[in-house]
All heavy atoms as atom14 arrays in JSON, in Angstrom:
{
  "sequence": "ISAYFESLIASYLQTGAVANIGYAQLLATLPSSL",
  "atom14_mask": [
    [1, 1, 1, 1, 1, 1, 1, 1, 0, 0, 0, 0, 0, 0],
    [1, 1, 1, 1, 1, 1, 0, 0, 0, 0, 0, 0, 0, 0],
    [1, 1, 1, 1, 1, 0, 0, 0, 0, 0, 0, 0, 0, 0],
    [1, 1, 1, 1, 1, 1, 1, 1, 1, 1, 1, 1, 0, 0],
    [1, 1, 1, 1, 1, 1, 1, 1, 1, 1, 1, 0, 0, 0],
    [1, 1, 1, 1, 1, 1, 1, 1, 1, 0, 0, 0, 0, 0],
    [1, 1, 1, 1, 1, 1, 0, 0, 0, 0, 0, 0, 0, 0],
    [1, 1, 1, 1, 1, 1, 1, 1, 0, 0, 0, 0, 0, 0],
    [1, 1, 1, 1, 1, 1, 1, 1, 0, 0, 0, 0, 0, 0],
    [1, 1, 1, 1, 1, 0, 0, 0, 0, 0, 0, 0, 0, 0],
    [1, 1, 1, 1, 1, 1, 0, 0, 0, 0, 0, 0, 0, 0],
    [1, 1, 1, 1, 1, 1, 1, 1, 1, 1, 1, 1, 0, 0],
    [1, 1, 1, 1, 1, 1, 1, 1, 0, 0, 0, 0, 0, 0],
    [1, 1, 1, 1, 1, 1, 1, 1, 1, 0, 0, 0, 0, 0],
    [1, 1, 1, 1, 1, 1, 1, 0, 0, 0, 0, 0, 0, 0],
    [1, 1, 1, 1, 0, 0, 0, 0, 0, 0, 0, 0, 0, 0],
    [1, 1, 1, 1, 1, 0, 0, 0, 0, 0, 0, 0, 0, 0],
    [1, 1, 1, 1, 1, 1, 1, 0, 0, 0, 0, 0, 0, 0],
    [1, 1, 1, 1, 1, 0, 0, 0, 0, 0, 0, 0, 0, 0],
    [1, 1, 1, 1, 1, 1, 1, 1, 0, 0, 0, 0, 0, 0],
    [1, 1, 1, 1, 1, 1, 1, 1, 0, 0, 0, 0, 0, 0],
    [1, 1, 1, 1, 0, 0, 0, 0, 0, 0, 0, 0, 0, 0],
    [1, 1, 1, 1, 1, 1, 1, 1, 1, 1, 1, 1, 0, 0],
    [1, 1, 1, 1, 1, 0, 0, 0, 0, 0, 0, 0, 0, 0],
    [1, 1, 1, 1, 1, 1, 1, 1, 1, 0, 0, 0, 0, 0],
    [1, 1, 1, 1, 1, 1, 1, 1, 0, 0, 0, 0, 0, 0],
    [1, 1, 1, 1, 1, 1, 1, 1, 0, 0, 0, 0, 0, 0],
    [1, 1, 1, 1, 1, 0, 0, 0, 0, 0, 0, 0, 0, 0],
    [1, 1, 1, 1, 1, 1, 1, 0, 0, 0, 0, 0, 0, 0],
    [1, 1, 1, 1, 1, 1, 1, 1, 0, 0, 0, 0, 0, 0],
    [1, 1, 1, 1, 1, 1, 1, 0, 0, 0, 0, 0, 0, 0],
    [1, 1, 1, 1, 1, 1, 0, 0, 0, 0, 0, 0, 0, 0],
    [1, 1, 1, 1, 1, 1, 0, 0, 0, 0, 0, 0, 0, 0],
    [1, 1, 1, 1, 1, 1, 1, 1, 0, 0, 0, 0, 0, 0]
  ],
  "atom14_positions": [
    [[4.32, 0.49, 16.73], [4.49, -0.11, 15.42], [5.67, 0.51, 14.7], [6.49, -0.19, 14.08], [3.19, 0.05, 14.59], [2.05, -0.71, 15.25], [3.4, -0.44, 13.17], [0.69, -0.45, 14.63], [0.0, 0.0, 0.0], [0.0, 0.0, 0.0], [0.0, 0.0, 0.0], [0.0, 0.0, 0.0], [0.0, 0.0, 0.0], [0.0, 0.0, 0.0]],
    [[5.8, 1.81, 14.8], [6.95, 2.5, 14.2], [8.24, 2.03, 14.84], [9.26, 1.84, 14.17], [6.8, 4.01, 14.36], [5.68, 4.5, 13.68], [0.0, 0.0, 0.0], [0.0, 0.0, 0.0], [0.0, 0.0, 0.0], [0.0, 0.0, 0.0], [0.0, 0.0, 0.0], [0.0, 0.0, 0.0], [0.0, 0.0, 0.0], [0.0, 0.0, 0.0]],
    [[8.21, 1.84, 16.17], [9.4, 1.37, 16.89], [9.83, -0.01, 16.4], [11.03, -0.31, 16.34], [9.12, 1.35, 18.39], [0.0, 0.0, 0.0], [0.0, 0.0, 0.0], [0.0, 0.0, 0.0], [0.0, 0.0, 0.0], [0.0, 0.0, 0.0], [0.0, 0.0, 0.0], [0.0, 0.0, 0.0], [0.0, 0.0, 0.0], [0.0, 0.0, 0.0]],
    [[8.87, -0.85, 16.07], [9.18, -2.17, 15.54], [9.99, -2.05, 14.25], [11.03, -2.69, 14.07], [7.9, -2.97, 15.29], [8.0, -3.98, 14.19], [8.89, -5.04, 14.27], [7.22, -3.87, 13.04], [9.0, -5.96, 13.24], [7.31, -4.77, 12.02], [8.21, -5.82, 12.12], [8.31, -6.73, 11.09], [0.0, 0.0, 0.0], [0.0, 0.0, 0.0]],
    [[9.52, -1.21, 13.34], [10.23, -1.05, 12.07], [11.59, -0.37, 12.26], [12.54, -0.65, 11.53], [9.37, -0.26, 11.07], [8.22, -1.06, 10.51], [6.93, -0.81, 10.92], [8.45, -2.08, 9.6], [5.87, -1.56, 10.41], [7.4, -2.83, 9.09], [6.11, -2.58, 9.5], [0.0, 0.0, 0.0], [0.0, 0.0, 0.0], [0.0, 0.0, 0.0]],
    [[11.68, 0.51, 13.23], [12.96, 1.14, 13.52], [13.97, 0.09, 13.98], [15.12, 0.11, 13.58], [12.78, 2.22, 14.59], [12.04, 3.45, 14.07], [11.72, 4.44, 15.17], [12.13, 4.19, 16.33], [11.07, 5.46, 14.89], [0.0, 0.0, 0.0], [0.0, 0.0, 0.0], [0.0, 0.0, 0.0], [0.0, 0.0, 0.0], [0.0, 0.0, 0.0]],
    [[13.52, -0.83, 14.84], [14.4, -1.9, 15.3], [14.81, -2.81, 14.15], [15.96, -3.24, 14.05], [13.71, -2.75, 16.39], [13.57, -2.03, 17.57], [0.0, 0.0, 0.0], [0.0, 0.0, 0.0], [0.0, 0.0, 0.0], [0.0, 0.0, 0.0], [0.0, 0.0, 0.0], [0.0, 0.0, 0.0], [0.0, 0.0, 0.0], [0.0, 0.0, 0.0]],
    [[13.85, -3.09, 13.28], [14.13, -3.96, 12.13], [15.21, -3.34, 11.25], [16.18, -4.01, 10.87], [12.85, -4.17, 11.33], [12.88, -5.16, 10.16], [11.51, -5.78, 9.97], [13.31, -4.49, 8.86], [0.0, 0.0, 0.0], [0.0, 0.0, 0.0], [0.0, 0.0, 0.0], [0.0, 0.0, 0.0], [0.0, 0.0, 0.0], [0.0, 0.0, 0.0]],
    [[15.06, -2.07, 10.92], [16.05, -1.4, 10.06], [17.37, -1.23, 10.78], [18.45, -1.45, 10.21], [15.5, -0.03, 9.59], [14.29, -0.25, 8.66], [16.57, 0.78, 8.88], [13.55, 1.02, 8.3], [0.0, 0.0, 0.0], [0.0, 0.0, 0.0], [0.0, 0.0, 0.0], [0.0, 0.0, 0.0], [0.0, 0.0, 0.0], [0.0, 0.0, 0.0]],
    [[17.32, -0.86, 12.07], [18.56, -0.65, 12.83], [19.35, -1.93, 12.99], [20.58, -1.89, 13.11], [18.22, -0.07, 14.2], [0.0, 0.0, 0.0], [0.0, 0.0, 0.0], [0.0, 0.0, 0.0], [0.0, 0.0, 0.0], [0.0, 0.0, 0.0], [0.0, 0.0, 0.0], [0.0, 0.0, 0.0], [0.0, 0.0, 0.0], [0.0, 0.0, 0.0]],
    [[18.68, -3.07, 12.97], [19.39, -4.34, 13.13], [20.33, -4.63, 11.96], [21.21, -5.48, 12.06], [18.4, -5.5, 13.3], [17.69, -5.74, 12.09], [0.0, 0.0, 0.0], [0.0, 0.0, 0.0], [0.0, 0.0, 0.0], [0.0, 0.0, 0.0], [0.0, 0.0, 0.0], [0.0, 0.0, 0.0], [0.0, 0.0, 0.0], [0.0, 0.0, 0.0]],
    [[20.14, -3.92, 10.84], [21.02, -4.08, 9.68], [22.18, -3.08, 9.69], [23.04, -3.13, 8.82], [20.22, -3.91, 8.38], [19.32, -5.06, 8.05], [17.95, -4.97, 8.26], [19.84, -6.26, 7.55], [17.12, -6.04, 7.97], [19.02, -7.32, 7.25], [17.64, -7.2, 7.45], [16.82, -8.27, 7.15], [0.0, 0.0, 0.0], [0.0, 0.0, 0.0]],
    [[22.17, -2.14, 10.65], [23.2, -1.12, 10.7], [24.35, -1.57, 11.6], [24.4, -2.72, 12.04], [22.59, 0.19, 11.19], [21.42, 0.72, 10.35], [20.89, 2.03, 10.95], [21.82, 0.93, 8.9], [0.0, 0.0, 0.0], [0.0, 0.0, 0.0], [0.0, 0.0, 0.0], [0.0, 0.0, 0.0], [0.0, 0.0, 0.0], [0.0, 0.0, 0.0]],
    [[25.26, -0.66, 11.89], [26.45, -0.99, 12.67], [26.11, -1.43, 14.07], [25.02, -1.13, 14.6], [27.36, 0.25, 12.74], [26.73, 1.41, 13.5], [27.67, 2.59, 13.67], [28.85, 2.49, 13.37], [27.16, 3.72, 14.14], [0.0, 0.0, 0.0], [0.0, 0.0, 0.0], [0.0, 0.0, 0.0], [0.0, 0.0, 0.0], [0.0, 0.0, 0.0]],
    [[27.05, -2.15, 14.7], [26.87, -2.56, 16.09], [26.66, -1.33, 16.97], [27.41, -0.36, 16.86], [28.11, -3.35, 16.58], [28.2, -4.56, 15.86], [27.99, -3.66, 18.07], [0.0, 0.0, 0.0], [0.0, 0.0, 0.0], [0.0, 0.0, 0.0], [0.0, 0.0, 0.0], [0.0, 0.0, 0.0], [0.0, 0.0, 0.0], [0.0, 0.0, 0.0]],
    [[25.7, -1.39, 17.82], [25.38, -0.27, 18.7], [24.23, 0.59, 18.2], [23.72, 1.42, 18.95], [0.0, 0.0, 0.0], [0.0, 0.0, 0.0], [0.0, 0.0, 0.0], [0.0, 0.0, 0.0], [0.0, 0.0, 0.0], [0.0, 0.0, 0.0], [0.0, 0.0, 0.0], [0.0, 0.0, 0.0], [0.0, 0.0, 0.0], [0.0, 0.0, 0.0]],
    [[23.79, 0.37, 16.95], [22.71, 1.2, 16.4], [21.41, 0.99, 17.19], [20.72, 1.95, 17.55], [22.5, 0.88, 14.93], [0.0, 0.0, 0.0], [0.0, 0.0, 0.0], [0.0, 0.0, 0.0], [0.0, 0.0, 0.0], [0.0, 0.0, 0.0], [0.0, 0.0, 0.0], [0.0, 0.0, 0.0], [0.0, 0.0, 0.0], [0.0, 0.0, 0.0]],
    [[21.07, -0.27, 17.45], [19.84, -0.57, 18.2], [19.91, 0.03, 19.6], [18.95, 0.64, 20.09], [19.6, -2.09, 18.26], [18.39, -2.38, 19.14], [19.39, -2.66, 16.86], [0.0, 0.0, 0.0], [0.0, 0.0, 0.0], [0.0, 0.0, 0.0], [0.0, 0.0, 0.0], [0.0, 0.0, 0.0], [0.0, 0.0, 0.0], [0.0, 0.0, 0.0]],
    [[21.08, -0.12, 20.24], [21.24, 0.4, 21.6], [21.16, 1.93, 21.61], [20.5, 2.52, 22.47], [22.57, -0.06, 22.18], [0.0, 0.0, 0.0], [0.0, 0.0, 0.0], [0.0, 0.0, 0.0], [0.0, 0.0, 0.0], [0.0, 0.0, 0.0], [0.0, 0.0, 0.0], [0.0, 0.0, 0.0], [0.0, 0.0, 0.0], [0.0, 0.0, 0.0]],
    [[21.84, 2.58, 20.65], [21.82, 4.05, 20.62], [20.42, 4.59, 20.38], [20.02, 5.6, 20.97], [22.77, 4.55, 19.52], [24.22, 4.58, 19.98], [24.51, 4.73, 21.17], [25.14, 4.41, 19.06], [0.0, 0.0, 0.0], [0.0, 0.0, 0.0], [0.0, 0.0, 0.0], [0.0, 0.0, 0.0], [0.0, 0.0, 0.0], [0.0, 0.0, 0.0]],
    [[19.67, 3.94, 19.49], [18.29, 4.36, 19.24], [17.47, 4.19, 20.51], [16.65, 5.04, 20.87], [17.68, 3.57, 18.08], [18.28, 4.06, 16.76], [16.16, 3.73, 18.05], [17.79, 3.29, 15.55], [0.0, 0.0, 0.0], [0.0, 0.0, 0.0], [0.0, 0.0, 0.0], [0.0, 0.0, 0.0], [0.0, 0.0, 0.0], [0.0, 0.0, 0.0]],
    [[17.72, 3.1, 21.23], [17.0, 2.88, 22.49], [17.31, 3.94, 23.52], [16.4, 4.46, 24.18], [0.0, 0.0, 0.0], [0.0, 0.0, 0.0], [0.0, 0.0, 0.0], [0.0, 0.0, 0.0], [0.0, 0.0, 0.0], [0.0, 0.0, 0.0], [0.0, 0.0, 0.0], [0.0, 0.0, 0.0], [0.0, 0.0, 0.0], [0.0, 0.0, 0.0]],
    [[18.59, 4.28, 23.68], [18.96, 5.34, 24.63], [18.33, 6.67, 24.22], [17.81, 7.41, 25.07], [20.48, 5.48, 24.69], [21.2, 4.31, 25.3], [22.29, 3.74, 24.67], [20.79, 3.77, 26.51], [22.97, 2.65, 25.22], [21.46, 2.69, 27.09], [22.54, 2.14, 26.42], [23.21, 1.06, 26.98], [0.0, 0.0, 0.0], [0.0, 0.0, 0.0]],
    [[18.39, 6.98, 22.93], [17.83, 8.25, 22.45], [16.32, 8.29, 22.63], [15.75, 9.33, 23.02], [18.19, 8.46, 20.98], [0.0, 0.0, 0.0], [0.0, 0.0, 0.0], [0.0, 0.0, 0.0], [0.0, 0.0, 0.0], [0.0, 0.0, 0.0], [0.0, 0.0, 0.0], [0.0, 0.0, 0.0], [0.0, 0.0, 0.0], [0.0, 0.0, 0.0]],
    [[15.65, 7.18, 22.36], [14.19, 7.16, 22.49], [13.76, 7.32, 23.94], [12.69, 7.89, 24.21], [13.63, 5.87, 21.89], [13.6, 5.87, 20.38], [12.95, 4.63, 19.82], [12.87, 3.6, 20.49], [12.49, 4.71, 18.59], [0.0, 0.0, 0.0], [0.0, 0.0, 0.0], [0.0, 0.0, 0.0], [0.0, 0.0, 0.0], [0.0, 0.0, 0.0]],
    [[14.57, 6.81, 24.85], [14.23, 6.99, 26.26], [14.16, 8.47, 26.61], [13.26, 8.92, 27.34], [15.27, 6.28, 27.15], [14.95, 6.25, 28.64], [13.8, 5.28, 28.9], [16.17, 5.84, 29.44], [0.0, 0.0, 0.0], [0.0, 0.0, 0.0], [0.0, 0.0, 0.0], [0.0, 0.0, 0.0], [0.0, 0.0, 0.0], [0.0, 0.0, 0.0]],
    [[15.1, 9.24, 26.06], [15.08, 10.68, 26.27], [14.01, 11.37, 25.44], [13.28, 12.23, 25.93], [16.45, 11.26, 25.91], [17.52, 11.26, 27.0], [18.9, 11.51, 26.4], [17.23, 12.3, 28.06], [0.0, 0.0, 0.0], [0.0, 0.0, 0.0], [0.0, 0.0, 0.0], [0.0, 0.0, 0.0], [0.0, 0.0, 0.0], [0.0, 0.0, 0.0]],
    [[13.93, 10.97, 24.16], [13.01, 11.65, 23.24], [11.56, 11.46, 23.63], [10.72, 12.34, 23.39], [13.24, 11.14, 21.82], [0.0, 0.0, 0.0], [0.0, 0.0, 0.0], [0.0, 0.0, 0.0], [0.0, 0.0, 0.0], [0.0, 0.0, 0.0], [0.0, 0.0, 0.0], [0.0, 0.0, 0.0], [0.0, 0.0, 0.0], [0.0, 0.0, 0.0]],
    [[11.24, 10.31, 24.23], [9.84, 10.05, 24.62], [9.51, 10.6, 26.01], [8.35, 10.55, 26.42], [9.54, 8.54, 24.6], [10.47, 7.85, 25.46], [9.66, 7.99, 23.19], [0.0, 0.0, 0.0], [0.0, 0.0, 0.0], [0.0, 0.0, 0.0], [0.0, 0.0, 0.0], [0.0, 0.0, 0.0], [0.0, 0.0, 0.0], [0.0, 0.0, 0.0]],
    [[10.51, 11.12, 26.72], [10.23, 11.67, 28.06], [9.24, 12.82, 28.01], [8.25, 12.8, 28.76], [11.53, 12.11, 28.73], [11.35, 12.8, 30.09], [10.71, 11.86, 31.1], [12.69, 13.31, 30.62], [0.0, 0.0, 0.0], [0.0, 0.0, 0.0], [0.0, 0.0, 0.0], [0.0, 0.0, 0.0], [0.0, 0.0, 0.0], [0.0, 0.0, 0.0]],
    [[9.43, 13.84, 27.15], [8.44, 14.93, 27.14], [7.04, 14.46, 26.74], [6.04, 14.9, 27.34], [9.01, 15.91, 26.09], [10.47, 15.58, 26.01], [10.56, 14.11, 26.25], [0.0, 0.0, 0.0], [0.0, 0.0, 0.0], [0.0, 0.0, 0.0], [0.0, 0.0, 0.0], [0.0, 0.0, 0.0], [0.0, 0.0, 0.0], [0.0, 0.0, 0.0]],
    [[6.95, 13.57, 25.74], [5.63, 13.1, 25.32], [4.98, 12.25, 26.39], [3.76, 12.28, 26.56], [5.74, 12.32, 24.0], [6.6, 11.22, 24.14], [0.0, 0.0, 0.0], [0.0, 0.0, 0.0], [0.0, 0.0, 0.0], [0.0, 0.0, 0.0], [0.0, 0.0, 0.0], [0.0, 0.0, 0.0], [0.0, 0.0, 0.0], [0.0, 0.0, 0.0]],
    [[5.78, 11.48, 27.13], [5.22, 10.66, 28.21], [4.87, 11.51, 29.43], [3.79, 11.37, 29.99], [6.23, 9.57, 28.61], [6.47, 8.69, 27.55], [0.0, 0.0, 0.0], [0.0, 0.0, 0.0], [0.0, 0.0, 0.0], [0.0, 0.0, 0.0], [0.0, 0.0, 0.0], [0.0, 0.0, 0.0], [0.0, 0.0, 0.0], [0.0, 0.0, 0.0]],
    [[5.8, 12.38, 29.8], [5.61, 13.16, 31.02], [4.53, 14.21, 30.86], [3.66, 14.36, 31.72], [6.94, 13.84, 31.4], [6.96, 14.66, 32.68], [6.54, 13.82, 33.87], [8.34, 15.26, 32.9], [0.0, 0.0, 0.0], [0.0, 0.0, 0.0], [0.0, 0.0, 0.0], [0.0, 0.0, 0.0], [0.0, 0.0, 0.0], [0.0, 0.0, 0.0]]
  ]
}
């Protein structure tokens, strides 16, 4: 649910914001997932 709102807000930011958040979350969620 939080990720949904992050995407919503990021869609109003500069080009690449959604992609950068996605790349970062892939790394950031690795410890919590693993």
